[in-house]
Each structure stands twice: as structure tokens, then as C-alpha cells.
């Protein structure tokens, strides 16, 4: 939704954003890990007993996974399960709690 987009574009509208920004910056500056998101996914999916499920909303405008991004994830990481939730935005776990839990349970029981 528009409010989700605004909330993530302007973190200053949330309570405590200053400390969050300081903590994030500190972790990036002083972290010994230089893994980017793709490298991190590769490391995680190497563990046989690890299941990775990405649940996303079809109308997410903050981190749009729809289309070519979803196809690239499927091609590069065939073990990752992608769950697309129709007509939901960036926070499907908040926008449709029962639907989110149902989808996640179905995926983890496969």
C-alpha cells in the first residue's frame, strides 16, 4: 500500500528510527562479513536440512519480487520455495495473517 511504501522510504516517521539507523550503520561498518544477499542465500541453501521460503505480495512496491526477479530466484536457487500472495503488498504476514500462516504451513509440510 502507499503507507507501506512511505514507511520504508522515510524511516524517520517510525519511533526510534535514529537508534535503528545507528545500529544498522554500525553493523555494516564493523561487520567482518562481506556477503551480499545472493552470497548469503548461496551459503544458506548449501545446508541440506535448511528450508528457505520467500513469501511475497503480488503488489509489493518496496521490494518487488514479481516477474523477472522471481524467475531469477527460481533459476538461481531451485531449492527456494516462492509463495506469491495475491493482492498483498510488502507485509503479507500483517495484511493477511491467517492466509500467510496457511501458505507457510503448506509449504513447510511438503
C-alpha atoms as a PDB file:
ATOM      1  CA  UNK A   1       0.000   0.000   0.000  1.00  0.00           C
ATOM      2  CA  UNK A   2       1.029   3.627  -0.237  1.00  0.00           C
ATOM      3  CA  UNK A   3       1.539   3.775   3.532  1.00  0.00           C
ATOM      4  CA  UNK A   4       3.930   0.781   3.397  1.00  0.00           C
ATOM      5  CA  UNK A   5       5.964   2.425   0.675  1.00  0.00           C
ATOM      6  CA  UNK A   6       6.093   5.677   2.608  1.00  0.00           C
ATOM      7  CA  UNK A   7       7.048   3.897   5.831  1.00  0.00           C
ATOM      8  CA  UNK A   8      10.026   2.163   4.212  1.00  0.00           C
ATOM      9  CA  UNK A   9      11.145   5.163   2.160  1.00  0.00           C
ATOM     10  CA  UNK A  10      11.035   7.511   5.155  1.00  0.00           C
ATOM     11  CA  UNK A  11      12.172   5.538   8.202  1.00  0.00           C
ATOM     12  CA  UNK A  12      12.133   8.743  10.241  1.00  0.00           C
ATOM     13  CA  UNK A  13       8.364   8.509  10.638  1.00  0.00           C
ATOM     14  CA  UNK A  14       8.771   5.479  12.908  1.00  0.00           C
ATOM     15  CA  UNK A  15       9.507   5.726  16.612  1.00  0.00           C
ATOM     16  CA  UNK A  16      13.146   5.036  17.462  1.00  0.00           C
ATOM     17  CA  UNK A  17      14.385   5.325  13.878  1.00  0.00           C
ATOM     18  CA  UNK A  18      17.552   7.141  14.939  1.00  0.00           C
ATOM     19  CA  UNK A  19      18.828   4.235  17.030  1.00  0.00           C
ATOM     20  CA  UNK A  20      17.865   1.796  14.267  1.00  0.00           C
ATOM     21  CA  UNK A  21      19.899   3.780  11.733  1.00  0.00           C
ATOM     22  CA  UNK A  22      22.889   3.932  14.082  1.00  0.00           C
ATOM     23  CA  UNK A  23      22.718   0.172  14.762  1.00  0.00           C
ATOM     24  CA  UNK A  24      22.380  -0.645  11.056  1.00  0.00           C
ATOM     25  CA  UNK A  25      25.289   1.635  10.120  1.00  0.00           C
ATOM     26  CA  UNK A  26      27.465   0.217  12.887  1.00  0.00           C
ATOM     27  CA  UNK A  27      26.762  -3.352  11.779  1.00  0.00           C
ATOM     28  CA  UNK A  28      27.665  -2.526   8.163  1.00  0.00           C
ATOM     29  CA  UNK A  29      30.832  -0.616   9.068  1.00  0.00           C
ATOM     30  CA  UNK A  30      32.227  -3.070  11.598  1.00  0.00           C
ATOM     31  CA  UNK A  31      30.943  -6.365  10.251  1.00  0.00           C
ATOM     32  CA  UNK A  32      33.550  -8.928   9.264  1.00  0.00           C
ATOM     33  CA  UNK A  33      31.106 -10.422   6.783  1.00  0.00           C
ATOM     34  CA  UNK A  34      31.116  -9.066   3.270  1.00  0.00           C
ATOM     35  CA  UNK A  35      28.380 -11.340   1.980  1.00  0.00           C
ATOM     36  CA  UNK A  36      25.774  -9.711  -0.200  1.00  0.00           C
ATOM     37  CA  UNK A  37      22.216 -11.071  -0.369  1.00  0.00           C
ATOM     38  CA  UNK A  38      22.985 -13.524  -3.184  1.00  0.00           C
ATOM     39  CA  UNK A  39      26.079 -14.879  -1.458  1.00  0.00           C
ATOM     40  CA  UNK A  40      24.136 -15.224   1.772  1.00  0.00           C
ATOM     41  CA  UNK A  41      21.382 -17.204   0.005  1.00  0.00           C
ATOM     42  CA  UNK A  42      24.016 -19.469  -1.538  1.00  0.00           C
ATOM     43  CA  UNK A  43      25.536 -20.137   1.886  1.00  0.00           C
ATOM     44  CA  UNK A  44      22.155 -20.832   3.461  1.00  0.00           C
ATOM     45  CA  UNK A  45      20.897 -23.139   0.693  1.00  0.00           C
ATOM     46  CA  UNK A  46      24.059 -25.267   0.924  1.00  0.00           C
ATOM     47  CA  UNK A  47      22.786 -26.720   4.197  1.00  0.00           C
ATOM     48  CA  UNK A  48      20.772 -29.830   3.371  1.00  0.00           C
ATOM     49  CA  UNK A  49      18.385 -29.549   6.297  1.00  0.00           C
ATOM     50  CA  UNK A  50      17.552 -25.893   5.721  1.00  0.00           C
ATOM     51  CA  UNK A  51      14.352 -24.834   4.014  1.00  0.00           C
ATOM     52  CA  UNK A  52      14.119 -21.342   2.565  1.00  0.00           C
ATOM     53  CA  UNK A  53      10.661 -19.982   1.839  1.00  0.00           C
ATOM     54  CA  UNK A  54      10.129 -16.499   0.458  1.00  0.00           C
ATOM     55  CA  UNK A  55       6.579 -15.238   0.856  1.00  0.00           C
ATOM     56  CA  UNK A  56       5.819 -12.090  -1.098  1.00  0.00           C
ATOM     57  CA  UNK A  57       2.865  -9.988  -2.042  1.00  0.00           C
ATOM     58  CA  UNK A  58       1.995  -9.555  -5.705  1.00  0.00           C
ATOM     59  CA  UNK A  59       1.604  -5.817  -5.127  1.00  0.00           C
ATOM     60  CA  UNK A  60       4.808  -5.220  -3.146  1.00  0.00           C
ATOM     61  CA  UNK A  61       6.263  -1.895  -4.239  1.00  0.00           C
ATOM     62  CA  UNK A  62       9.011  -1.789  -1.610  1.00  0.00           C
ATOM     63  CA  UNK A  63      10.866  -4.945  -2.701  1.00  0.00           C
ATOM     64  CA  UNK A  64       9.124  -6.049  -5.893  1.00  0.00           C
ATOM     65  CA  UNK A  65       9.778  -9.749  -6.492  1.00  0.00           C
ATOM     66  CA  UNK A  66       7.129 -10.177  -9.152  1.00  0.00           C
ATOM     67  CA  UNK A  67       8.192 -11.147 -12.684  1.00  0.00           C
ATOM     68  CA  UNK A  68      11.863 -11.269 -13.614  1.00  0.00           C
ATOM     69  CA  UNK A  69      13.113 -11.203 -10.015  1.00  0.00           C
ATOM     70  CA  UNK A  70      11.025 -14.267  -9.117  1.00  0.00           C
ATOM     71  CA  UNK A  71      12.200 -16.009 -12.280  1.00  0.00           C
ATOM     72  CA  UNK A  72      15.845 -15.277 -11.434  1.00  0.00           C
ATOM     73  CA  UNK A  73      15.411 -16.627  -7.893  1.00  0.00           C
ATOM     74  CA  UNK A  74      13.803 -19.804  -9.276  1.00  0.00           C
ATOM     75  CA  UNK A  75      16.574 -20.233 -11.841  1.00  0.00           C
ATOM     76  CA  UNK A  76      19.471 -19.496  -9.466  1.00  0.00           C
ATOM     77  CA  UNK A  77      18.044 -21.208  -6.374  1.00  0.00           C
ATOM     78  CA  UNK A  78      15.779 -24.112  -7.344  1.00  0.00           C
ATOM     79  CA  UNK A  79      15.537 -25.264  -3.702  1.00  0.00           C
ATOM     80  CA  UNK A  80      13.993 -21.967  -2.536  1.00  0.00           C
ATOM     81  CA  UNK A  81      10.222 -22.024  -2.376  1.00  0.00           C
ATOM     82  CA  UNK A  82       8.489 -18.870  -3.545  1.00  0.00           C
ATOM     83  CA  UNK A  83       4.963 -18.178  -2.363  1.00  0.00           C
ATOM     84  CA  UNK A  84       3.112 -15.368  -4.114  1.00  0.00           C
ATOM     85  CA  UNK A  85       0.169 -13.921  -2.217  1.00  0.00           C
ATOM     86  CA  UNK A  86      -2.345 -12.202  -4.472  1.00  0.00           C
ATOM     87  CA  UNK A  87      -3.259  -8.568  -3.984  1.00  0.00           C
ATOM     88  CA  UNK A  88      -0.975  -8.112  -0.973  1.00  0.00           C
ATOM     89  CA  UNK A  89       1.889  -5.689  -0.563  1.00  0.00           C
ATOM     90  CA  UNK A  90       5.200  -5.714   1.302  1.00  0.00           C
ATOM     91  CA  UNK A  91       3.848  -7.149   4.554  1.00  0.00           C
ATOM     92  CA  UNK A  92       1.726 -10.188   3.688  1.00  0.00           C
ATOM     93  CA  UNK A  93       2.327 -11.518   7.203  1.00  0.00           C
ATOM     94  CA  UNK A  94       0.471  -8.460   8.561  1.00  0.00           C
ATOM     95  CA  UNK A  95      -2.037  -7.917   5.767  1.00  0.00           C
ATOM     96  CA  UNK A  96      -3.456 -11.456   5.835  1.00  0.00           C
ATOM     97  CA  UNK A  97      -2.216 -13.285   8.926  1.00  0.00           C
ATOM     98  CA  UNK A  98      -4.378 -16.429   8.503  1.00  0.00           C
ATOM     99  CA  UNK A  99      -3.552 -16.667   4.789  1.00  0.00           C
ATOM    100  CA  UNK A 100       0.160 -16.176   5.439  1.00  0.00           C
ATOM    101  CA  UNK A 101       0.262 -18.863   8.127  1.00  0.00           C
ATOM    102  CA  UNK A 102      -1.724 -21.252   5.949  1.00  0.00           C
ATOM    103  CA  UNK A 103       0.612 -20.789   2.980  1.00  0.00           C
ATOM    104  CA  UNK A 104       3.714 -21.157   5.113  1.00  0.00           C
ATOM    105  CA  UNK A 105       2.409 -24.300   6.815  1.00  0.00           C
ATOM    106  CA  UNK A 106       1.519 -25.874   3.448  1.00  0.00           C
ATOM    107  CA  UNK A 107       4.982 -25.102   2.134  1.00  0.00           C
ATOM    108  CA  UNK A 108       6.828 -26.458   5.161  1.00  0.00           C
ATOM    109  CA  UNK A 109       4.790 -29.679   5.193  1.00  0.00           C
ATOM    110  CA  UNK A 110       5.761 -30.572   1.610  1.00  0.00           C
END
